[in-house]
Amino acid sequence: MLGIHGRLKQLRSHGSDGRCRMAGRLLLQVHDELILEVEETRWEEVRDLVILEMINAGQDLKVPLQVKWRVGKSWGSLDS
């Protein structure tokens, strides 16, 4: 997950207050799930980055790593 955090640090944007912020940040890891907070306008870019990092992390596995992505306003609003 360090690779994802490092890559997210490279995706910066300026908020309405002029401050520089990350486009997304890793909030929580629960077993094999990652919970991220992402700017609404940048979620596709962050999704592509996270999926690529996850697939690259599993390159040496004998079984291909599958990555699923869900979007919602809150963790509780996501369907399984």
PDB file of N, CA and C in Angstrom:
ATOM      1  N   MET A   1       0.806  -1.190   0.000  1.00  0.00           N
ATOM      2  CA  MET A   1       0.000   0.000   0.000  1.00  0.00           C
ATOM      3  C   MET A   1       0.855   1.262   0.000  1.00  0.00           C
ATOM      4  N   LEU A   2       2.126   1.083   0.319  1.00  0.00           N
ATOM      5  CA  LEU A   2       3.020   2.237   0.289  1.00  0.00           C
ATOM      6  C   LEU A   2       3.166   2.792  -1.117  1.00  0.00           C
ATOM      7  N   GLY A   3       3.150   1.899  -2.108  1.00  0.00           N
ATOM      8  CA  GLY A   3       3.230   2.350  -3.493  1.00  0.00           C
ATOM      9  C   GLY A   3       2.036   3.216  -3.862  1.00  0.00           C
ATOM     10  N   ILE A   4       0.862   2.824  -3.411  1.00  0.00           N
ATOM     11  CA  ILE A   4      -0.348   3.609  -3.700  1.00  0.00           C
ATOM     12  C   ILE A   4      -0.258   4.969  -3.024  1.00  0.00           C
ATOM     13  N   HIS A   5       0.150   4.989  -1.765  1.00  0.00           N
ATOM     14  CA  HIS A   5       0.262   6.265  -1.056  1.00  0.00           C
ATOM     15  C   HIS A   5       1.259   7.189  -1.754  1.00  0.00           C
ATOM     16  N   GLY A   6       2.399   6.648  -2.143  1.00  0.00           N
ATOM     17  CA  GLY A   6       3.399   7.452  -2.840  1.00  0.00           C
ATOM     18  C   GLY A   6       2.892   8.020  -4.146  1.00  0.00           C
ATOM     19  N   ARG A   7       2.168   7.192  -4.889  1.00  0.00           N
ATOM     20  CA  ARG A   7       1.616   7.667  -6.173  1.00  0.00           C
ATOM     21  C   ARG A   7       0.515   8.706  -5.951  1.00  0.00           C
ATOM     22  N   LEU A   8      -0.303   8.521  -4.897  1.00  0.00           N
ATOM     23  CA  LEU A   8      -1.349   9.503  -4.602  1.00  0.00           C
ATOM     24  C   LEU A   8      -0.745  10.853  -4.223  1.00  0.00           C
ATOM     25  N   LYS A   9       0.403  10.832  -3.566  1.00  0.00           N
ATOM     26  CA  LYS A   9       1.063  12.086  -3.194  1.00  0.00           C
ATOM     27  C   LYS A   9       1.463  12.877  -4.427  1.00  0.00           C
ATOM     28  N   GLN A  10       1.670  12.198  -5.540  1.00  0.00           N
ATOM     29  CA  GLN A  10       2.057  12.875  -6.780  1.00  0.00           C
ATOM     30  C   GLN A  10       0.862  13.521  -7.467  1.00  0.00           C
ATOM     31  N   LEU A  11      -0.344  13.060  -7.159  1.00  0.00           N
ATOM     32  CA  LEU A  11      -1.557  13.631  -7.765  1.00  0.00           C
ATOM     33  C   LEU A  11      -2.050  14.762  -6.874  1.00  0.00           C
ATOM     34  N   ARG A  12      -1.654  15.931  -7.167  1.00  0.00           N
ATOM     35  CA  ARG A  12      -2.021  17.091  -6.349  1.00  0.00           C
ATOM     36  C   ARG A  12      -2.988  17.978  -7.118  1.00  0.00           C
ATOM     37  N   SER A  13      -3.829  18.684  -6.365  1.00  0.00           N
ATOM     38  CA  SER A  13      -4.717  19.666  -6.971  1.00  0.00           C
ATOM     39  C   SER A  13      -4.894  20.808  -5.976  1.00  0.00           C
ATOM     40  N   HIS A  14      -5.341  21.918  -6.471  1.00  0.00           N
ATOM     41  CA  HIS A  14      -5.539  23.090  -5.634  1.00  0.00           C
ATOM     42  C   HIS A  14      -7.018  23.219  -5.290  1.00  0.00           C
ATOM     43  N   GLY A  15      -7.295  23.343  -4.002  1.00  0.00           N
ATOM     44  CA  GLY A  15      -8.665  23.504  -3.541  1.00  0.00           C
ATOM     45  C   GLY A  15      -9.147  24.921  -3.763  1.00  0.00           C
ATOM     46  N   SER A  16     -10.406  25.170  -3.440  1.00  0.00           N
ATOM     47  CA  SER A  16     -10.982  26.504  -3.616  1.00  0.00           C
ATOM     48  C   SER A  16     -10.309  27.530  -2.717  1.00  0.00           C
ATOM     49  N   ASP A  17      -9.665  27.064  -1.648  1.00  0.00           N
ATOM     50  CA  ASP A  17      -8.948  27.976  -0.752  1.00  0.00           C
ATOM     51  C   ASP A  17      -7.514  28.218  -1.211  1.00  0.00           C
ATOM     52  N   GLY A  18      -7.130  27.633  -2.366  1.00  0.00           N
ATOM     53  CA  GLY A  18      -5.803  27.827  -2.917  1.00  0.00           C
ATOM     54  C   GLY A  18      -4.752  26.885  -2.371  1.00  0.00           C
ATOM     55  N   ARG A  19      -5.124  26.058  -1.401  1.00  0.00           N
ATOM     56  CA  ARG A  19      -4.160  25.118  -0.808  1.00  0.00           C
ATOM     57  C   ARG A  19      -3.989  23.899  -1.700  1.00  0.00           C
ATOM     58  N   CYS A  20      -2.797  23.371  -1.734  1.00  0.00           N
ATOM     59  CA  CYS A  20      -2.484  22.183  -2.528  1.00  0.00           C
ATOM     60  C   CYS A  20      -2.863  20.940  -1.725  1.00  0.00           C
ATOM     61  N   ARG A  21      -3.642  20.049  -2.332  1.00  0.00           N
ATOM     62  CA  ARG A  21      -4.096  18.837  -1.658  1.00  0.00           C
ATOM     63  C   ARG A  21      -3.909  17.637  -2.571  1.00  0.00           C
ATOM     64  N   MET A  22      -3.844  16.462  -1.938  1.00  0.00           N
ATOM     65  CA  MET A  22      -3.795  15.228  -2.705  1.00  0.00           C
ATOM     66  C   MET A  22      -5.170  14.988  -3.325  1.00  0.00           C
ATOM     67  N   ALA A  23      -5.194  14.427  -4.538  1.00  0.00           N
ATOM     68  CA  ALA A  23      -6.464  14.128  -5.210  1.00  0.00           C
ATOM     69  C   ALA A  23      -7.214  13.019  -4.497  1.00  0.00           C
ATOM     70  N   GLY A  24      -6.490  12.173  -3.784  1.00  0.00           N
ATOM     71  CA  GLY A  24      -7.107  11.090  -3.034  1.00  0.00           C
ATOM     72  C   GLY A  24      -6.197  10.662  -1.909  1.00  0.00           C
ATOM     73  N   ARG A  25      -6.798  10.060  -0.894  1.00  0.00           N
ATOM     74  CA  ARG A  25      -5.969   9.563   0.204  1.00  0.00           C
ATOM     75  C   ARG A  25      -6.529   8.256   0.725  1.00  0.00           C
ATOM     76  N   LEU A  26      -5.623   7.405   1.132  1.00  0.00           N
ATOM     77  CA  LEU A  26      -5.973   6.096   1.665  1.00  0.00           C
ATOM     78  C   LEU A  26      -6.409   6.283   3.112  1.00  0.00           C
ATOM     79  N   LEU A  27      -7.665   5.939   3.409  1.00  0.00           N
ATOM     80  CA  LEU A  27      -8.186   6.104   4.761  1.00  0.00           C
ATOM     81  C   LEU A  27      -8.039   4.852   5.602  1.00  0.00           C
ATOM     82  N   LEU A  28      -8.271   3.697   4.982  1.00  0.00           N
ATOM     83  CA  LEU A  28      -8.358   2.473   5.762  1.00  0.00           C
ATOM     84  C   LEU A  28      -8.086   1.265   4.883  1.00  0.00           C
ATOM     85  N   GLN A  29      -7.431   0.283   5.447  1.00  0.00           N
ATOM     86  CA  GLN A  29      -7.277  -1.011   4.795  1.00  0.00           C
ATOM     87  C   GLN A  29      -7.907  -2.051   5.708  1.00  0.00           C
ATOM     88  N   VAL A  30      -8.872  -2.796   5.185  1.00  0.00           N
ATOM     89  CA  VAL A  30      -9.528  -3.865   5.932  1.00  0.00           C
ATOM     90  C   VAL A  30      -9.313  -5.144   5.135  1.00  0.00           C
ATOM     91  N   HIS A  31      -8.409  -5.997   5.616  1.00  0.00           N
ATOM     92  CA  HIS A  31      -8.012  -7.215   4.916  1.00  0.00           C
ATOM     93  C   HIS A  31      -7.577  -6.872   3.501  1.00  0.00           C
ATOM     94  N   ASP A  32      -8.347  -7.277   2.498  1.00  0.00           N
ATOM     95  CA  ASP A  32      -7.944  -7.011   1.111  1.00  0.00           C
ATOM     96  C   ASP A  32      -8.713  -5.838   0.505  1.00  0.00           C
ATOM     97  N   GLU A  33      -9.369  -5.033   1.331  1.00  0.00           N
ATOM     98  CA  GLU A  33     -10.111  -3.874   0.836  1.00  0.00           C
ATOM     99  C   GLU A  33      -9.404  -2.591   1.231  1.00  0.00           C
ATOM    100  N   LEU A  34      -9.417  -1.634   0.312  1.00  0.00           N
ATOM    101  CA  LEU A  34      -8.869  -0.314   0.584  1.00  0.00           C
ATOM    102  C   LEU A  34     -10.008   0.688   0.535  1.00  0.00           C
ATOM    103  N   ILE A  35     -10.053   1.574   1.496  1.00  0.00           N
ATOM    104  CA  ILE A  35     -11.048   2.640   1.527  1.00  0.00           C
ATOM    105  C   ILE A  35     -10.297   3.941   1.277  1.00  0.00           C
ATOM    106  N   LEU A  36     -10.692   4.639   0.209  1.00  0.00           N
ATOM    107  CA  LEU A  36     -10.038   5.887  -0.148  1.00  0.00           C
ATOM    108  C   LEU A  36     -11.042   7.023  -0.151  1.00  0.00           C
ATOM    109  N   GLU A  37     -10.556   8.201   0.184  1.00  0.00           N
ATOM    110  CA  GLU A  37     -11.332   9.426   0.029  1.00  0.00           C
ATOM    111  C   GLU A  37     -10.747  10.133  -1.186  1.00  0.00           C
ATOM    112  N   VAL A  38     -11.591  10.433  -2.169  1.00  0.00           N
ATOM    113  CA  VAL A  38     -11.104  10.945  -3.453  1.00  0.00           C
ATOM    114  C   VAL A  38     -11.940  12.142  -3.870  1.00  0.00           C
ATOM    115  N   GLU A  39     -11.274  13.145  -4.430  1.00  0.00           N
ATOM    116  CA  GLU A  39     -11.999  14.278  -4.995  1.00  0.00           C
ATOM    117  C   GLU A  39     -12.952  13.769  -6.071  1.00  0.00           C
ATOM    118  N   GLU A  40     -14.156  14.292  -6.060  1.00  0.00           N
ATOM    119  CA  GLU A  40     -15.182  13.812  -6.995  1.00  0.00           C
ATOM    120  C   GLU A  40     -14.750  13.928  -8.450  1.00  0.00           C
ATOM    121  N   THR A  41     -14.046  14.976  -8.783  1.00  0.00           N
ATOM    122  CA  THR A  41     -13.660  15.206 -10.186  1.00  0.00           C
ATOM    123  C   THR A  41     -12.458  14.382 -10.611  1.00  0.00           C
ATOM    124  N   ARG A  42     -11.794  13.691  -9.657  1.00  0.00           N
ATOM    125  CA  ARG A  42     -10.564  12.967  -9.989  1.00  0.00           C
ATOM    126  C   ARG A  42     -10.659  11.472  -9.729  1.00  0.00           C
ATOM    127  N   TRP A  43     -11.862  10.942  -9.435  1.00  0.00           N
ATOM    128  CA  TRP A  43     -11.964   9.543  -9.017  1.00  0.00           C
ATOM    129  C   TRP A  43     -11.535   8.569 -10.111  1.00  0.00           C
ATOM    130  N   GLU A  44     -11.781   8.886 -11.366  1.00  0.00           N
ATOM    131  CA  GLU A  44     -11.377   7.969 -12.438  1.00  0.00           C
ATOM    132  C   GLU A  44      -9.853   7.875 -12.527  1.00  0.00           C
ATOM    133  N   GLU A  45      -9.185   8.987 -12.382  1.00  0.00           N
ATOM    134  CA  GLU A  45      -7.724   9.015 -12.415  1.00  0.00           C
ATOM    135  C   GLU A  45      -7.144   8.230 -11.233  1.00  0.00           C
ATOM    136  N   VAL A  46      -7.716   8.431 -10.053  1.00  0.00           N
ATOM    137  CA  VAL A  46      -7.263   7.712  -8.860  1.00  0.00           C
ATOM    138  C   VAL A  46      -7.577   6.226  -8.995  1.00  0.00           C
ATOM    139  N   ARG A  47      -8.754   5.900  -9.525  1.00  0.00           N
ATOM    140  CA  ARG A  47      -9.122   4.492  -9.733  1.00  0.00           C
ATOM    141  C   ARG A  47      -8.097   3.792 -10.611  1.00  0.00           C
ATOM    142  N   ASP A  48      -7.742   4.399 -11.725  1.00  0.00           N
ATOM    143  CA  ASP A  48      -6.780   3.793 -12.647  1.00  0.00           C
ATOM    144  C   ASP A  48      -5.420   3.591 -11.977  1.00  0.00           C
ATOM    145  N   LEU A  49      -4.997   4.563 -11.191  1.00  0.00           N
ATOM    146  CA  LEU A  49      -3.726   4.472 -10.479  1.00  0.00           C
ATOM    147  C   LEU A  49      -3.744   3.323  -9.480  1.00  0.00           C
ATOM    148  N   VAL A  50      -4.804   3.225  -8.686  1.00  0.00           N
ATOM    149  CA  VAL A  50      -4.896   2.191  -7.649  1.00  0.00           C
ATOM    150  C   VAL A  50      -4.964   0.802  -8.285  1.00  0.00           C
ATOM    151  N   ILE A  51      -5.755   0.647  -9.325  1.00  0.00           N
ATOM    152  CA  ILE A  51      -5.870  -0.651  -9.989  1.00  0.00           C
ATOM    153  C   ILE A  51      -4.516  -1.079 -10.557  1.00  0.00           C
ATOM    154  N   LEU A  52      -3.831  -0.168 -11.205  1.00  0.00           N
ATOM    155  CA  LEU A  52      -2.514  -0.485 -11.762  1.00  0.00           C
ATOM    156  C   LEU A  52      -1.542  -0.899 -10.654  1.00  0.00           C
ATOM    157  N   GLU A  53      -1.516  -0.163  -9.557  1.00  0.00           N
ATOM    158  CA  GLU A  53      -0.616  -0.495  -8.442  1.00  0.00           C
ATOM    159  C   GLU A  53      -0.962  -1.850  -7.843  1.00  0.00           C
ATOM    160  N   MET A  54      -2.240  -2.159  -7.701  1.00  0.00           N
ATOM    161  CA  MET A  54      -2.652  -3.442  -7.126  1.00  0.00           C
ATOM    162  C   MET A  54      -2.257  -4.602  -8.047  1.00  0.00           C
ATOM    163  N   ILE A  55      -2.481  -4.434  -9.332  1.00  0.00           N
ATOM    164  CA  ILE A  55      -2.116  -5.489 -10.286  1.00  0.00           C
ATOM    165  C   ILE A  55      -0.602  -5.687 -10.294  1.00  0.00           C
ATOM    166  N   ASN A  56       0.154  -4.601 -10.292  1.00  0.00           N
ATOM    167  CA  ASN A  56       1.618  -4.698 -10.261  1.00  0.00           C
ATOM    168  C   ASN A  56       2.105  -5.368  -8.980  1.00  0.00           C
ATOM    169  N   ALA A  57       1.437  -5.108  -7.861  1.00  0.00           N
ATOM    170  CA  ALA A  57       1.826  -5.712  -6.586  1.00  0.00           C
ATOM    171  C   ALA A  57       1.627  -7.225  -6.609  1.00  0.00           C
ATOM    172  N   GLY A  58       0.678  -7.712  -7.414  1.00  0.00           N
ATOM    173  CA  GLY A  58       0.396  -9.138  -7.474  1.00  0.00           C
ATOM    174  C   GLY A  58       1.027  -9.856  -8.646  1.00  0.00           C
ATOM    175  N   GLN A  59       1.994  -9.253  -9.300  1.00  0.00           N
ATOM    176  CA  GLN A  59       2.620  -9.845 -10.487  1.00  0.00           C
ATOM    177  C   GLN A  59       3.210 -11.223 -10.224  1.00  0.00           C
ATOM    178  N   ASP A  60       3.777 -11.410  -9.053  1.00  0.00           N
ATOM    179  CA  ASP A  60       4.469 -12.667  -8.758  1.00  0.00           C
ATOM    180  C   ASP A  60       3.541 -13.749  -8.206  1.00  0.00           C
ATOM    181  N   LEU A  61       2.270 -13.464  -8.091  1.00  0.00           N
ATOM    182  CA  LEU A  61       1.324 -14.461  -7.593  1.00  0.00           C
ATOM    183  C   LEU A  61       1.013 -15.478  -8.687  1.00  0.00           C
ATOM    184  N   LYS A  62       0.713 -16.699  -8.297  1.00  0.00           N
ATOM    185  CA  LYS A  62       0.374 -17.738  -9.275  1.00  0.00           C
ATOM    186  C   LYS A  62      -1.038 -17.546  -9.824  1.00  0.00           C
ATOM    187  N   VAL A  63      -1.885 -16.890  -9.048  1.00  0.00           N
ATOM    188  CA  VAL A  63      -3.258 -16.613  -9.472  1.00  0.00           C
ATOM    189  C   VAL A  63      -3.362 -15.114  -9.737  1.00  0.00           C
ATOM    190  N   PRO A  64      -3.891 -14.709 -10.893  1.00  0.00           N
ATOM    191  CA  PRO A  64      -3.988 -13.278 -11.191  1.00  0.00           C
ATOM    192  C   PRO A  64      -4.832 -12.549 -10.144  1.00  0.00           C
ATOM    193  N   LEU A  65      -4.406 -11.360  -9.786  1.00  0.00           N
ATOM    194  CA  LEU A  65      -5.119 -10.543  -8.819  1.00  0.00           C
ATOM    195  C   LEU A  65      -6.242  -9.800  -9.522  1.00  0.00           C
ATOM    196  N   GLN A  66      -7.453  -9.952  -9.012  1.00  0.00           N
ATOM    197  CA  GLN A  66      -8.589  -9.228  -9.565  1.00  0.00           C
ATOM    198  C   GLN A  66      -8.860  -8.017  -8.684  1.00  0.00           C
ATOM    199  N   VAL A  67      -9.128  -6.889  -9.308  1.00  0.00           N
ATOM    200  CA  VAL A  67      -9.389  -5.655  -8.581  1.00  0.00           C
ATOM    201  C   VAL A  67     -10.782  -5.178  -8.926  1.00  0.00           C
ATOM    202  N   LYS A  68     -11.590  -4.946  -7.900  1.00  0.00           N
ATOM    203  CA  LYS A  68     -12.938  -4.404  -8.088  1.00  0.00           C
ATOM    204  C   LYS A  68     -12.970  -3.021  -7.465  1.00  0.00           C
ATOM    205  N   TRP A  69     -13.749  -2.141  -8.048  1.00  0.00           N
ATOM    206  CA  TRP A  69     -13.812  -0.751  -7.599  1.00  0.00           C
ATOM    207  C   TRP A  69     -15.264  -0.355  -7.435  1.00  0.00           C
ATOM    208  N   ARG A  70     -15.594   0.240  -6.318  1.00  0.00           N
ATOM    209  CA  ARG A  70     -16.952   0.752  -6.093  1.00  0.00           C
ATOM    210  C   ARG A  70     -16.857   2.191  -5.616  1.00  0.00           C
ATOM    211  N   VAL A  71     -17.836   2.999  -5.981  1.00  0.00           N
ATOM    212  CA  VAL A  71     -17.855   4.416  -5.637  1.00  0.00           C
ATOM    213  C   VAL A  71     -19.127   4.716  -4.867  1.00  0.00           C
ATOM    214  N   GLY A  72     -19.004   5.498  -3.819  1.00  0.00           N
ATOM    215  CA  GLY A  72     -20.164   5.907  -3.047  1.00  0.00           C
ATOM    216  C   GLY A  72     -19.824   7.094  -2.165  1.00  0.00           C
ATOM    217  N   LYS A  73     -20.848   7.743  -1.675  1.00  0.00           N
ATOM    218  CA  LYS A  73     -20.654   8.916  -0.795  1.00  0.00           C
ATOM    219  C   LYS A  73     -20.095   8.505   0.557  1.00  0.00           C
ATOM    220  N   SER A  74     -20.368   7.261   0.985  1.00  0.00           N
ATOM    221  CA  SER A  74     -19.842   6.772   2.253  1.00  0.00           C
ATOM    222  C   SER A  74     -19.614   5.275   2.138  1.00  0.00           C
ATOM    223  N   TRP A  75     -18.809   4.725   3.052  1.00  0.00           N
ATOM    224  CA  TRP A  75     -18.511   3.302   3.050  1.00  0.00           C
ATOM    225  C   TRP A  75     -19.795   2.502   3.219  1.00  0.00           C
ATOM    226  N   GLY A  76     -20.686   2.957   4.065  1.00  0.00           N
ATOM    227  CA  GLY A  76     -21.941   2.260   4.327  1.00  0.00           C
ATOM    228  C   GLY A  76     -22.895   2.252   3.142  1.00  0.00           C
ATOM    229  N   SER A  77     -22.698   3.167   2.201  1.00  0.00           N
ATOM    230  CA  SER A  77     -23.601   3.231   1.042  1.00  0.00           C
ATOM    231  C   SER A  77     -23.199   2.292  -0.085  1.00  0.00           C
ATOM    232  N   LEU A  78     -22.077   1.601   0.055  1.00  0.00           N
ATOM    233  CA  LEU A  78     -21.599   0.712  -0.996  1.00  0.00           C
ATOM    234  C   LEU A  78     -22.253  -0.660  -0.875  1.00  0.00           C
ATOM    235  N   ASP A  79     -22.699  -1.194  -1.989  1.00  0.00           N
ATOM    236  CA  ASP A  79     -23.261  -2.551  -2.024  1.00  0.00           C
ATOM    237  C   ASP A  79     -22.138  -3.544  -2.237  1.00  0.00           C
ATOM    238  N   SER A  80     -22.282  -4.726  -1.691  1.00  0.00           N
ATOM    239  CA  SER A  80     -21.266  -5.770  -1.872  1.00  0.00           C
ATOM    240  C   SER A  80     -21.331  -6.360  -3.253  1.00  0.00           C
TER     241      SER A  80
END
